[in-house]
Each structure stands twice: as structure tokens, then as C-alpha cells.
Amino acid sequence: MKRNNTVLRSLLISLILLVVIFVSITSAGTKYVTKGGYPFATTEEYLKQAINYIISGDNEALAKLIAAGVVGILEDGTVVYMEGATWTLVEFRFPGKTQKFWTVMEALSEVK
């Protein structure tokens, strides 16, 4: 039984390391192009709020986040640099800027 726990622990640690390495390699300043119509936000939390408002159809609440300057809608074809990623969200910045934003993974296409 103890051997099984050791093997499982080793596999879990290996998987976590692979994910961390993959995210680090794929997100290290790589150029991407935006797809229009997707929300972006100054924080993960604001992005999650915006997505919830979009899903529920609460355009009034979404408009308040946009008016506050914490959420925006991406335009098609803008070049950005990916700075980090989670399983479904990405952190990016616009060229020449230092402020970072969050959006969904589907909103960006890698420049090849």
C-alpha cells in the first residue's frame, strides 16, 4: 500500500511540473493576435464577472464594468504579448505597454 502511495505521489508531482513547464514555455512573451468581440479585464476577477454578465445577458452590469475602465472588448487583429496562463485564461499586454490584462484562451491566436 505504501508503494502505491509513493508511485501516485511521484506521478502527481511529475504532472504538476510538466504543466508548470508547459505554461512557462508557451507564455514567455509570445506574440498573439486578438479575435474581436471577446472581453478582457484588468484582473481575473473582473473578467469572471464580465463573463457571468455576458452569459446571463445582463448588459447593464457589463456596461458598468466597461464604464469603470476595468473591462473592455477586444478588437480583431490586435497584436499582444502573452504574459501568463491558467487552464482557460491568459494574461497579456499590448506592445509598448506594461499594464497586463486577462482574457479567455480562445480570444488569442498565436502569430506564426
PDB file of N, CA and C in Angstrom:
ATOM      1  N   MET A   1       0.817  -1.193   0.000  1.00  0.00           N
ATOM      2  CA  MET A   1       0.000   0.000   0.000  1.00  0.00           C
ATOM      3  C   MET A   1       0.865   1.263   0.000  1.00  0.00           C
ATOM      4  N   LYS A   2       1.951   1.232   0.785  1.00  0.00           N
ATOM      5  CA  LYS A   2       2.839   2.375   0.863  1.00  0.00           C
ATOM      6  C   LYS A   2       3.510   2.644  -0.480  1.00  0.00           C
ATOM      7  N   ARG A   3       3.856   1.584  -1.204  1.00  0.00           N
ATOM      8  CA  ARG A   3       4.472   1.720  -2.527  1.00  0.00           C
ATOM      9  C   ARG A   3       3.521   2.409  -3.495  1.00  0.00           C
ATOM     10  N   ASN A   4       2.239   2.051  -3.474  1.00  0.00           N
ATOM     11  CA  ASN A   4       1.253   2.674  -4.351  1.00  0.00           C
ATOM     12  C   ASN A   4       1.137   4.170  -4.079  1.00  0.00           C
ATOM     13  N   ASN A   5       1.146   4.551  -2.802  1.00  0.00           N
ATOM     14  CA  ASN A   5       1.074   5.975  -2.458  1.00  0.00           C
ATOM     15  C   ASN A   5       2.293   6.728  -2.968  1.00  0.00           C
ATOM     16  N   THR A   6       3.460   6.117  -2.883  1.00  0.00           N
ATOM     17  CA  THR A   6       4.689   6.737  -3.362  1.00  0.00           C
ATOM     18  C   THR A   6       4.648   6.911  -4.871  1.00  0.00           C
ATOM     19  N   VAL A   7       4.183   5.904  -5.574  1.00  0.00           N
ATOM     20  CA  VAL A   7       4.078   5.977  -7.039  1.00  0.00           C
ATOM     21  C   VAL A   7       3.075   7.052  -7.439  1.00  0.00           C
ATOM     22  N   LEU A   8       1.934   7.078  -6.794  1.00  0.00           N
ATOM     23  CA  LEU A   8       0.927   8.094  -7.104  1.00  0.00           C
ATOM     24  C   LEU A   8       1.441   9.498  -6.816  1.00  0.00           C
ATOM     25  N   ARG A   9       2.129   9.660  -5.707  1.00  0.00           N
ATOM     26  CA  ARG A   9       2.687  10.964  -5.355  1.00  0.00           C
ATOM     27  C   ARG A   9       3.711  11.401  -6.396  1.00  0.00           C
ATOM     28  N   SER A  10       4.554  10.490  -6.834  1.00  0.00           N
ATOM     29  CA  SER A  10       5.558  10.799  -7.851  1.00  0.00           C
ATOM     30  C   SER A  10       4.904  11.190  -9.172  1.00  0.00           C
ATOM     31  N   LEU A  11       3.868  10.476  -9.561  1.00  0.00           N
ATOM     32  CA  LEU A  11       3.151  10.800 -10.794  1.00  0.00           C
ATOM     33  C   LEU A  11       2.495  12.178 -10.708  1.00  0.00           C
ATOM     34  N   LEU A  12       1.890  12.477  -9.576  1.00  0.00           N
ATOM     35  CA  LEU A  12       1.236  13.770  -9.390  1.00  0.00           C
ATOM     36  C   LEU A  12       2.252  14.904  -9.448  1.00  0.00           C
ATOM     37  N   ILE A  13       3.374  14.747  -8.786  1.00  0.00           N
ATOM     38  CA  ILE A  13       4.420  15.770  -8.814  1.00  0.00           C
ATOM     39  C   ILE A  13       4.952  15.955 -10.231  1.00  0.00           C
ATOM     40  N   SER A  14       5.148  14.870 -10.956  1.00  0.00           N
ATOM     41  CA  SER A  14       5.615  14.954 -12.342  1.00  0.00           C
ATOM     42  C   SER A  14       4.614  15.690 -13.218  1.00  0.00           C
ATOM     43  N   LEU A  15       3.344  15.396 -13.048  1.00  0.00           N
ATOM     44  CA  LEU A  15       2.303  16.062 -13.829  1.00  0.00           C
ATOM     45  C   LEU A  15       2.281  17.557 -13.538  1.00  0.00           C
ATOM     46  N   ILE A  16       2.362  17.922 -12.282  1.00  0.00           N
ATOM     47  CA  ILE A  16       2.364  19.338 -11.911  1.00  0.00           C
ATOM     48  C   ILE A  16       3.569  20.046 -12.517  1.00  0.00           C
ATOM     49  N   LEU A  17       4.736  19.430 -12.451  1.00  0.00           N
ATOM     50  CA  LEU A  17       5.932  20.031 -13.039  1.00  0.00           C
ATOM     51  C   LEU A  17       5.799  20.209 -14.547  1.00  0.00           C
ATOM     52  N   LEU A  18       5.233  19.219 -15.220  1.00  0.00           N
ATOM     53  CA  LEU A  18       5.024  19.332 -16.671  1.00  0.00           C
ATOM     54  C   LEU A  18       4.090  20.486 -17.010  1.00  0.00           C
ATOM     55  N   VAL A  19       3.024  20.647 -16.258  1.00  0.00           N
ATOM     56  CA  VAL A  19       2.083  21.740 -16.507  1.00  0.00           C
ATOM     57  C   VAL A  19       2.765  23.087 -16.291  1.00  0.00           C
ATOM     58  N   VAL A  20       3.522  23.220 -15.210  1.00  0.00           N
ATOM     59  CA  VAL A  20       4.221  24.478 -14.930  1.00  0.00           C
ATOM     60  C   VAL A  20       5.234  24.784 -16.025  1.00  0.00           C
ATOM     61  N   ILE A  21       5.987  23.797 -16.448  1.00  0.00           N
ATOM     62  CA  ILE A  21       6.968  23.995 -17.514  1.00  0.00           C
ATOM     63  C   ILE A  21       6.268  24.364 -18.821  1.00  0.00           C
ATOM     64  N   PHE A  22       5.181  23.664 -19.162  1.00  0.00           N
ATOM     65  CA  PHE A  22       4.450  23.946 -20.393  1.00  0.00           C
ATOM     66  C   PHE A  22       3.922  25.374 -20.401  1.00  0.00           C
ATOM     67  N   VAL A  23       3.312  25.806 -19.321  1.00  0.00           N
ATOM     68  CA  VAL A  23       2.759  27.165 -19.249  1.00  0.00           C
ATOM     69  C   VAL A  23       3.876  28.186 -19.334  1.00  0.00           C
ATOM     70  N   SER A  24       4.993  27.944 -18.682  1.00  0.00           N
ATOM     71  CA  SER A  24       6.119  28.874 -18.720  1.00  0.00           C
ATOM     72  C   SER A  24       6.697  28.996 -20.123  1.00  0.00           C
ATOM     73  N   ILE A  25       6.859  27.874 -20.790  1.00  0.00           N
ATOM     74  CA  ILE A  25       7.438  27.881 -22.137  1.00  0.00           C
ATOM     75  C   ILE A  25       6.494  28.533 -23.140  1.00  0.00           C
ATOM     76  N   THR A  26       5.227  28.183 -23.094  1.00  0.00           N
ATOM     77  CA  THR A  26       4.298  28.676 -24.105  1.00  0.00           C
ATOM     78  C   THR A  26       3.900  30.120 -23.888  1.00  0.00           C
ATOM     79  N   SER A  27       4.097  30.657 -22.699  1.00  0.00           N
ATOM     80  CA  SER A  27       3.610  32.004 -22.447  1.00  0.00           C
ATOM     81  C   SER A  27       4.701  33.052 -22.352  1.00  0.00           C
ATOM     82  N   ALA A  28       5.926  32.689 -22.515  1.00  0.00           N
ATOM     83  CA  ALA A  28       7.033  33.609 -22.289  1.00  0.00           C
ATOM     84  C   ALA A  28       7.156  34.642 -23.401  1.00  0.00           C
ATOM     85  N   GLY A  29       6.338  35.692 -23.377  1.00  0.00           N
ATOM     86  CA  GLY A  29       6.441  36.796 -24.304  1.00  0.00           C
ATOM     87  C   GLY A  29       6.106  36.459 -25.742  1.00  0.00           C
ATOM     88  N   THR A  30       5.339  35.425 -25.973  1.00  0.00           N
ATOM     89  CA  THR A  30       4.971  35.025 -27.319  1.00  0.00           C
ATOM     90  C   THR A  30       3.945  35.991 -27.898  1.00  0.00           C
ATOM     91  N   LYS A  31       4.101  36.328 -29.176  1.00  0.00           N
ATOM     92  CA  LYS A  31       3.159  37.227 -29.844  1.00  0.00           C
ATOM     93  C   LYS A  31       1.888  36.476 -30.231  1.00  0.00           C
ATOM     94  N   TYR A  32       0.764  37.139 -30.001  1.00  0.00           N
ATOM     95  CA  TYR A  32      -0.545  36.607 -30.368  1.00  0.00           C
ATOM     96  C   TYR A  32      -1.342  37.700 -31.050  1.00  0.00           C
ATOM     97  N   VAL A  33      -2.396  37.300 -31.741  1.00  0.00           N
ATOM     98  CA  VAL A  33      -3.320  38.234 -32.375  1.00  0.00           C
ATOM     99  C   VAL A  33      -4.692  38.017 -31.748  1.00  0.00           C
ATOM    100  N   THR A  34      -5.379  39.113 -31.452  1.00  0.00           N
ATOM    101  CA  THR A  34      -6.685  39.016 -30.805  1.00  0.00           C
ATOM    102  C   THR A  34      -7.792  38.703 -31.804  1.00  0.00           C
ATOM    103  N   LYS A  35      -8.822  38.065 -31.288  1.00  0.00           N
ATOM    104  CA  LYS A  35     -10.057  37.834 -32.031  1.00  0.00           C
ATOM    105  C   LYS A  35     -11.084  38.812 -31.466  1.00  0.00           C
ATOM    106  N   GLY A  36     -11.759  39.521 -32.319  1.00  0.00           N
ATOM    107  CA  GLY A  36     -12.687  40.550 -31.881  1.00  0.00           C
ATOM    108  C   GLY A  36     -13.911  40.021 -31.149  1.00  0.00           C
ATOM    109  N   GLY A  37     -14.424  40.864 -30.243  1.00  0.00           N
ATOM    110  CA  GLY A  37     -15.664  40.555 -29.555  1.00  0.00           C
ATOM    111  C   GLY A  37     -15.511  39.878 -28.209  1.00  0.00           C
ATOM    112  N   TYR A  38     -14.314  39.453 -27.843  1.00  0.00           N
ATOM    113  CA  TYR A  38     -14.092  38.804 -26.555  1.00  0.00           C
ATOM    114  C   TYR A  38     -13.803  39.850 -25.476  1.00  0.00           C
ATOM    115  N   PRO A  39     -14.255  39.591 -24.247  1.00  0.00           N
ATOM    116  CA  PRO A  39     -13.962  40.539 -23.169  1.00  0.00           C
ATOM    117  C   PRO A  39     -12.523  40.388 -22.671  1.00  0.00           C
ATOM    118  N   PHE A  40     -11.985  41.491 -22.145  1.00  0.00           N
ATOM    119  CA  PHE A  40     -10.716  41.450 -21.423  1.00  0.00           C
ATOM    120  C   PHE A  40     -10.873  42.344 -20.200  1.00  0.00           C
ATOM    121  N   ALA A  41     -10.053  42.100 -19.179  1.00  0.00           N
ATOM    122  CA  ALA A  41     -10.209  42.839 -17.935  1.00  0.00           C
ATOM    123  C   ALA A  41      -8.868  43.040 -17.246  1.00  0.00           C
ATOM    124  N   THR A  42      -8.860  43.972 -16.303  1.00  0.00           N
ATOM    125  CA  THR A  42      -7.636  44.292 -15.573  1.00  0.00           C
ATOM    126  C   THR A  42      -7.256  43.218 -14.563  1.00  0.00           C
ATOM    127  N   THR A  43      -8.214  42.398 -14.136  1.00  0.00           N
ATOM    128  CA  THR A  43      -7.935  41.300 -13.194  1.00  0.00           C
ATOM    129  C   THR A  43      -8.730  40.068 -13.609  1.00  0.00           C
ATOM    130  N   GLU A  44      -8.329  38.929 -13.078  1.00  0.00           N
ATOM    131  CA  GLU A  44      -9.076  37.692 -13.320  1.00  0.00           C
ATOM    132  C   GLU A  44     -10.504  37.816 -12.796  1.00  0.00           C
ATOM    133  N   GLU A  45     -10.641  38.431 -11.629  1.00  0.00           N
ATOM    134  CA  GLU A  45     -11.973  38.558 -11.011  1.00  0.00           C
ATOM    135  C   GLU A  45     -12.917  39.403 -11.863  1.00  0.00           C
ATOM    136  N   TYR A  46     -12.427  40.528 -12.379  1.00  0.00           N
ATOM    137  CA  TYR A  46     -13.273  41.356 -13.245  1.00  0.00           C
ATOM    138  C   TYR A  46     -13.638  40.599 -14.527  1.00  0.00           C
ATOM    139  N   LEU A  47     -12.692  39.813 -15.051  1.00  0.00           N
ATOM    140  CA  LEU A  47     -13.003  39.020 -16.245  1.00  0.00           C
ATOM    141  C   LEU A  47     -14.097  38.006 -15.945  1.00  0.00           C
ATOM    142  N   LYS A  48     -13.985  37.324 -14.816  1.00  0.00           N
ATOM    143  CA  LYS A  48     -15.003  36.342 -14.447  1.00  0.00           C
ATOM    144  C   LYS A  48     -16.368  37.015 -14.262  1.00  0.00           C
ATOM    145  N   GLN A  49     -16.379  38.201 -13.670  1.00  0.00           N
ATOM    146  CA  GLN A  49     -17.645  38.944 -13.523  1.00  0.00           C
ATOM    147  C   GLN A  49     -18.226  39.268 -14.893  1.00  0.00           C
ATOM    148  N   ALA A  50     -17.390  39.768 -15.790  1.00  0.00           N
ATOM    149  CA  ALA A  50     -17.852  40.135 -17.130  1.00  0.00           C
ATOM    150  C   ALA A  50     -18.421  38.926 -17.863  1.00  0.00           C
ATOM    151  N   ILE A  51     -17.745  37.798 -17.768  1.00  0.00           N
ATOM    152  CA  ILE A  51     -18.229  36.582 -18.421  1.00  0.00           C
ATOM    153  C   ILE A  51     -19.582  36.171 -17.854  1.00  0.00           C
ATOM    154  N   ASN A  52     -19.724  36.249 -16.541  1.00  0.00           N
ATOM    155  CA  ASN A  52     -21.017  35.924 -15.918  1.00  0.00           C
ATOM    156  C   ASN A  52     -22.126  36.853 -16.405  1.00  0.00           C
ATOM    157  N   TYR A  53     -21.822  38.148 -16.521  1.00  0.00           N
ATOM    158  CA  TYR A  53     -22.826  39.105 -17.007  1.00  0.00           C
ATOM    159  C   TYR A  53     -23.185  38.837 -18.464  1.00  0.00           C
ATOM    160  N   ILE A  54     -22.197  38.477 -19.273  1.00  0.00           N
ATOM    161  CA  ILE A  54     -22.456  38.159 -20.684  1.00  0.00           C
ATOM    162  C   ILE A  54     -23.338  36.925 -20.780  1.00  0.00           C
ATOM    163  N   ILE A  55     -23.008  35.885 -20.018  1.00  0.00           N
ATOM    164  CA  ILE A  55     -23.782  34.644 -20.052  1.00  0.00           C
ATOM    165  C   ILE A  55     -25.222  34.877 -19.606  1.00  0.00           C
ATOM    166  N   SER A  56     -25.387  35.689 -18.567  1.00  0.00           N
ATOM    167  CA  SER A  56     -26.737  35.931 -18.048  1.00  0.00           C
ATOM    168  C   SER A  56     -27.498  36.986 -18.840  1.00  0.00           C
ATOM    169  N   GLY A  57     -26.811  37.660 -19.765  1.00  0.00           N
ATOM    170  CA  GLY A  57     -27.475  38.682 -20.578  1.00  0.00           C
ATOM    171  C   GLY A  57     -27.664  40.007 -19.860  1.00  0.00           C
ATOM    172  N   ASP A  58     -26.911  40.236 -18.783  1.00  0.00           N
ATOM    173  CA  ASP A  58     -27.035  41.472 -18.009  1.00  0.00           C
ATOM    174  C   ASP A  58     -26.122  42.539 -18.619  1.00  0.00           C
ATOM    175  N   ASN A  59     -26.571  43.124 -19.725  1.00  0.00           N
ATOM    176  CA  ASN A  59     -25.774  44.122 -20.435  1.00  0.00           C
ATOM    177  C   ASN A  59     -25.580  45.396 -19.621  1.00  0.00           C
ATOM    178  N   GLU A  60     -26.522  45.712 -18.750  1.00  0.00           N
ATOM    179  CA  GLU A  60     -26.408  46.901 -17.909  1.00  0.00           C
ATOM    180  C   GLU A  60     -25.224  46.764 -16.944  1.00  0.00           C
ATOM    181  N   ALA A  61     -25.087  45.615 -16.307  1.00  0.00           N
ATOM    182  CA  ALA A  61     -23.973  45.376 -15.386  1.00  0.00           C
ATOM    183  C   ALA A  61     -22.645  45.363 -16.146  1.00  0.00           C
ATOM    184  N   LEU A  62     -22.629  44.743 -17.333  1.00  0.00           N
ATOM    185  CA  LEU A  62     -21.422  44.717 -18.151  1.00  0.00           C
ATOM    186  C   LEU A  62     -21.014  46.131 -18.544  1.00  0.00           C
ATOM    187  N   ALA A  63     -21.980  46.951 -18.920  1.00  0.00           N
ATOM    188  CA  ALA A  63     -21.708  48.339 -19.305  1.00  0.00           C
ATOM    189  C   ALA A  63     -21.089  49.127 -18.148  1.00  0.00           C
ATOM    190  N   LYS A  64     -21.491  48.817 -16.917  1.00  0.00           N
ATOM    191  CA  LYS A  64     -20.917  49.499 -15.749  1.00  0.00           C
ATOM    192  C   LYS A  64     -19.443  49.138 -15.578  1.00  0.00           C
ATOM    193  N   LEU A  65     -19.083  47.869 -15.813  1.00  0.00           N
ATOM    194  CA  LEU A  65     -17.680  47.477 -15.734  1.00  0.00           C
ATOM    195  C   LEU A  65     -16.856  48.158 -16.833  1.00  0.00           C
ATOM    196  N   ILE A  66     -17.431  48.240 -18.018  1.00  0.00           N
ATOM    197  CA  ILE A  66     -16.737  48.903 -19.133  1.00  0.00           C
ATOM    198  C   ILE A  66     -16.563  50.388 -18.831  1.00  0.00           C
ATOM    199  N   ALA A  67     -17.619  51.038 -18.323  1.00  0.00           N
ATOM    200  CA  ALA A  67     -17.560  52.466 -17.989  1.00  0.00           C
ATOM    201  C   ALA A  67     -16.533  52.733 -16.883  1.00  0.00           C
ATOM    202  N   ALA A  68     -16.362  51.785 -15.981  1.00  0.00           N
ATOM    203  CA  ALA A  68     -15.388  51.931 -14.894  1.00  0.00           C
ATOM    204  C   ALA A  68     -13.951  51.730 -15.387  1.00  0.00           C
ATOM    205  N   GLY A  69     -13.790  51.250 -16.618  1.00  0.00           N
ATOM    206  CA  GLY A  69     -12.466  51.057 -17.189  1.00  0.00           C
ATOM    207  C   GLY A  69     -11.761  49.789 -16.755  1.00  0.00           C
ATOM    208  N   VAL A  70     -12.502  48.851 -16.178  1.00  0.00           N
ATOM    209  CA  VAL A  70     -11.886  47.602 -15.721  1.00  0.00           C
ATOM    210  C   VAL A  70     -12.130  46.442 -16.689  1.00  0.00           C
ATOM    211  N   VAL A  71     -13.014  46.650 -17.658  1.00  0.00           N
ATOM    212  CA  VAL A  71     -13.331  45.636 -18.670  1.00  0.00           C
ATOM    213  C   VAL A  71     -13.409  46.333 -20.022  1.00  0.00           C
ATOM    214  N   GLY A  72     -12.995  45.615 -21.067  1.00  0.00           N
ATOM    215  CA  GLY A  72     -13.117  46.108 -22.429  1.00  0.00           C
ATOM    216  C   GLY A  72     -13.459  44.942 -23.340  1.00  0.00           C
ATOM    217  N   ILE A  73     -13.685  45.267 -24.602  1.00  0.00           N
ATOM    218  CA  ILE A  73     -13.970  44.246 -25.609  1.00  0.00           C
ATOM    219  C   ILE A  73     -12.853  44.304 -26.648  1.00  0.00           C
ATOM    220  N   LEU A  74     -12.237  43.155 -26.908  1.00  0.00           N
ATOM    221  CA  LEU A  74     -11.117  43.099 -27.844  1.00  0.00           C
ATOM    222  C   LEU A  74     -11.559  43.392 -29.276  1.00  0.00           C
ATOM    223  N   GLU A  75     -10.685  44.105 -29.989  1.00  0.00           N
ATOM    224  CA  GLU A  75     -10.875  44.322 -31.419  1.00  0.00           C
ATOM    225  C   GLU A  75     -10.141  43.210 -32.157  1.00  0.00           C
ATOM    226  N   ASP A  76     -10.577  42.921 -33.358  1.00  0.00           N
ATOM    227  CA  ASP A  76      -9.978  41.856 -34.159  1.00  0.00           C
ATOM    228  C   ASP A  76      -8.624  42.288 -34.713  1.00  0.00           C
ATOM    229  N   GLY A  77      -7.613  41.407 -34.605  1.00  0.00           N
ATOM    230  CA  GLY A  77      -6.335  41.616 -35.258  1.00  0.00           C
ATOM    231  C   GLY A  77      -5.301  42.435 -34.521  1.00  0.00           C
ATOM    232  N   THR A  78      -5.479  42.687 -33.240  1.00  0.00           N
ATOM    233  CA  THR A  78      -4.501  43.449 -32.466  1.00  0.00           C
ATOM    234  C   THR A  78      -3.409  42.504 -31.966  1.00  0.00           C
ATOM    235  N   VAL A  79      -2.153  42.884 -32.171  1.00  0.00           N
ATOM    236  CA  VAL A  79      -1.039  42.068 -31.690  1.00  0.00           C
ATOM    237  C   VAL A  79      -0.858  42.324 -30.199  1.00  0.00           C
ATOM    238  N   VAL A  80      -0.678  41.256 -29.432  1.00  0.00           N
ATOM    239  CA  VAL A  80      -0.438  41.340 -27.991  1.00  0.00           C
ATOM    240  C   VAL A  80       0.643  40.335 -27.609  1.00  0.00           C
ATOM    241  N   TYR A  81       1.181  40.486 -26.408  1.00  0.00           N
ATOM    242  CA  TYR A  81       2.162  39.548 -25.878  1.00  0.00           C
ATOM    243  C   TYR A  81       1.544  38.788 -24.717  1.00  0.00           C
ATOM    244  N   MET A  82       1.580  37.453 -24.777  1.00  0.00           N
ATOM    245  CA  MET A  82       1.079  36.651 -23.676  1.00  0.00           C
ATOM    246  C   MET A  82       2.106  36.685 -22.554  1.00  0.00           C
ATOM    247  N   GLU A  83       1.630  36.925 -21.344  1.00  0.00           N
ATOM    248  CA  GLU A  83       2.498  37.019 -20.178  1.00  0.00           C
ATOM    249  C   GLU A  83       2.333  35.844 -19.217  1.00  0.00           C
ATOM    250  N   GLY A  84       1.214  35.146 -19.283  1.00  0.00           N
ATOM    251  CA  GLY A  84       0.960  34.029 -18.392  1.00  0.00           C
ATOM    252  C   GLY A  84      -0.342  33.358 -18.775  1.00  0.00           C
ATOM    253  N   ALA A  85      -0.607  32.205 -18.161  1.00  0.00           N
ATOM    254  CA  ALA A  85      -1.824  31.476 -18.495  1.00  0.00           C
ATOM    255  C   ALA A  85      -2.223  30.545 -17.361  1.00  0.00           C
ATOM    256  N   THR A  86      -3.519  30.303 -17.289  1.00  0.00           N
ATOM    257  CA  THR A  86      -4.059  29.260 -16.431  1.00  0.00           C
ATOM    258  C   THR A  86      -4.641  28.224 -17.378  1.00  0.00           C
ATOM    259  N   TRP A  87      -5.505  27.352 -16.881  1.00  0.00           N
ATOM    260  CA  TRP A  87      -6.094  26.335 -17.765  1.00  0.00           C
ATOM    261  C   TRP A  87      -6.952  26.956 -18.855  1.00  0.00           C
ATOM    262  N   THR A  88      -7.679  28.043 -18.552  1.00  0.00           N
ATOM    263  CA  THR A  88      -8.614  28.606 -19.530  1.00  0.00           C
ATOM    264  C   THR A  88      -8.436  30.099 -19.749  1.00  0.00           C
ATOM    265  N   LEU A  89      -7.654  30.768 -18.917  1.00  0.00           N
ATOM    266  CA  LEU A  89      -7.482  32.212 -19.021  1.00  0.00           C
ATOM    267  C   LEU A  89      -6.035  32.550 -19.343  1.00  0.00           C
ATOM    268  N   VAL A  90      -5.842  33.696 -20.012  1.00  0.00           N
ATOM    269  CA  VAL A  90      -4.493  34.153 -20.330  1.00  0.00           C
ATOM    270  C   VAL A  90      -4.308  35.596 -19.871  1.00  0.00           C
ATOM    271  N   GLU A  91      -3.080  35.878 -19.450  1.00  0.00           N
ATOM    272  CA  GLU A  91      -2.694  37.236 -19.099  1.00  0.00           C
ATOM    273  C   GLU A  91      -1.860  37.764 -20.257  1.00  0.00           C
ATOM    274  N   PHE A  92      -2.143  38.984 -20.702  1.00  0.00           N
ATOM    275  CA  PHE A  92      -1.435  39.536 -21.854  1.00  0.00           C
ATOM    276  C   PHE A  92      -1.212  41.027 -21.654  1.00  0.00           C
ATOM    277  N   ARG A  93      -0.385  41.600 -22.543  1.00  0.00           N
ATOM    278  CA  ARG A  93      -0.192  43.047 -22.554  1.00  0.00           C
ATOM    279  C   ARG A  93      -0.091  43.505 -24.000  1.00  0.00           C
ATOM    280  N   PHE A  94      -0.411  44.768 -24.202  1.00  0.00           N
ATOM    281  CA  PHE A  94      -0.309  45.358 -25.526  1.00  0.00           C
ATOM    282  C   PHE A  94       1.137  45.807 -25.763  1.00  0.00           C
ATOM    283  N   PRO A  95       1.634  45.779 -27.013  1.00  0.00           N
ATOM    284  CA  PRO A  95       3.016  46.171 -27.303  1.00  0.00           C
ATOM    285  C   PRO A  95       3.318  47.587 -26.792  1.00  0.00           C
ATOM    286  N   GLY A  96       4.467  47.722 -26.159  1.00  0.00           N
ATOM    287  CA  GLY A  96       4.894  49.020 -25.647  1.00  0.00           C
ATOM    288  C   GLY A  96       4.254  49.413 -24.331  1.00  0.00           C
ATOM    289  N   LYS A  97       3.371  48.598 -23.808  1.00  0.00           N
ATOM    290  CA  LYS A  97       2.669  48.888 -22.557  1.00  0.00           C
ATOM    291  C   LYS A  97       3.128  47.917 -21.477  1.00  0.00           C
ATOM    292  N   THR A  98       2.994  48.327 -20.213  1.00  0.00           N
ATOM    293  CA  THR A  98       3.376  47.453 -19.106  1.00  0.00           C
ATOM    294  C   THR A  98       2.171  46.894 -18.363  1.00  0.00           C
ATOM    295  N   GLN A  99       0.998  47.521 -18.532  1.00  0.00           N
ATOM    296  CA  GLN A  99      -0.192  47.022 -17.835  1.00  0.00           C
ATOM    297  C   GLN A  99      -0.629  45.702 -18.452  1.00  0.00           C
ATOM    298  N   LYS A 100      -0.976  44.754 -17.585  1.00  0.00           N
ATOM    299  CA  LYS A 100      -1.413  43.435 -18.042  1.00  0.00           C
ATOM    300  C   LYS A 100      -2.919  43.309 -17.908  1.00  0.00           C
ATOM    301  N   PHE A 101      -3.494  42.487 -18.787  1.00  0.00           N
ATOM    302  CA  PHE A 101      -4.928  42.236 -18.811  1.00  0.00           C
ATOM    303  C   PHE A 101      -5.171  40.734 -18.879  1.00  0.00           C
ATOM    304  N   TRP A 102      -6.405  40.343 -18.623  1.00  0.00           N
ATOM    305  CA  TRP A 102      -6.822  38.934 -18.679  1.00  0.00           C
ATOM    306  C   TRP A 102      -7.928  38.760 -19.711  1.00  0.00           C
ATOM    307  N   THR A 103      -7.908  37.629 -20.400  1.00  0.00           N
ATOM    308  CA  THR A 103      -8.979  37.255 -21.313  1.00  0.00           C
ATOM    309  C   THR A 103      -9.048  35.727 -21.355  1.00  0.00           C
ATOM    310  N   VAL A 104      -9.976  35.212 -22.155  1.00  0.00           N
ATOM    311  CA  VAL A 104     -10.104  33.762 -22.302  1.00  0.00           C
ATOM    312  C   VAL A 104      -9.125  33.269 -23.363  1.00  0.00           C
ATOM    313  N   MET A 105      -8.695  32.030 -23.242  1.00  0.00           N
ATOM    314  CA  MET A 105      -7.710  31.431 -24.154  1.00  0.00           C
ATOM    315  C   MET A 105      -8.170  31.535 -25.620  1.00  0.00           C
ATOM    316  N   GLU A 106      -9.457  31.369 -25.851  1.00  0.00           N
ATOM    317  CA  GLU A 106      -9.981  31.367 -27.224  1.00  0.00           C
ATOM    318  C   GLU A 106      -9.876  32.714 -27.917  1.00  0.00           C
ATOM    319  N   ALA A 107      -9.604  33.785 -27.163  1.00  0.00           N
ATOM    320  CA  ALA A 107      -9.568  35.132 -27.729  1.00  0.00           C
ATOM    321  C   ALA A 107      -8.256  35.446 -28.441  1.00  0.00           C
ATOM    322  N   LEU A 108      -7.258  34.566 -28.304  1.00  0.00           N
ATOM    323  CA  LEU A 108      -5.954  34.830 -28.892  1.00  0.00           C
ATOM    324  C   LEU A 108      -5.523  33.716 -29.832  1.00  0.00           C
ATOM    325  N   SER A 109      -4.879  34.111 -30.930  1.00  0.00           N
ATOM    326  CA  SER A 109      -4.293  33.147 -31.867  1.00  0.00           C
ATOM    327  C   SER A 109      -2.804  33.456 -31.973  1.00  0.00           C
ATOM    328  N   GLU A 110      -1.973  32.429 -31.892  1.00  0.00           N
ATOM    329  CA  GLU A 110      -0.531  32.627 -31.933  1.00  0.00           C
ATOM    330  C   GLU A 110      -0.088  33.112 -33.318  1.00  0.00           C
ATOM    331  N   VAL A 111       0.828  34.093 -33.323  1.00  0.00           N
ATOM    332  CA  VAL A 111       1.420  34.579 -34.571  1.00  0.00           C
ATOM    333  C   VAL A 111       2.497  33.584 -34.967  1.00  0.00           C
ATOM    334  N   LYS A 112       2.441  33.109 -36.199  1.00  0.00           N
ATOM    335  CA  LYS A 112       3.429  32.115 -36.655  1.00  0.00           C
ATOM    336  C   LYS A 112       4.350  32.686 -37.695  1.00  0.00           C
TER     337      LYS A 112
END
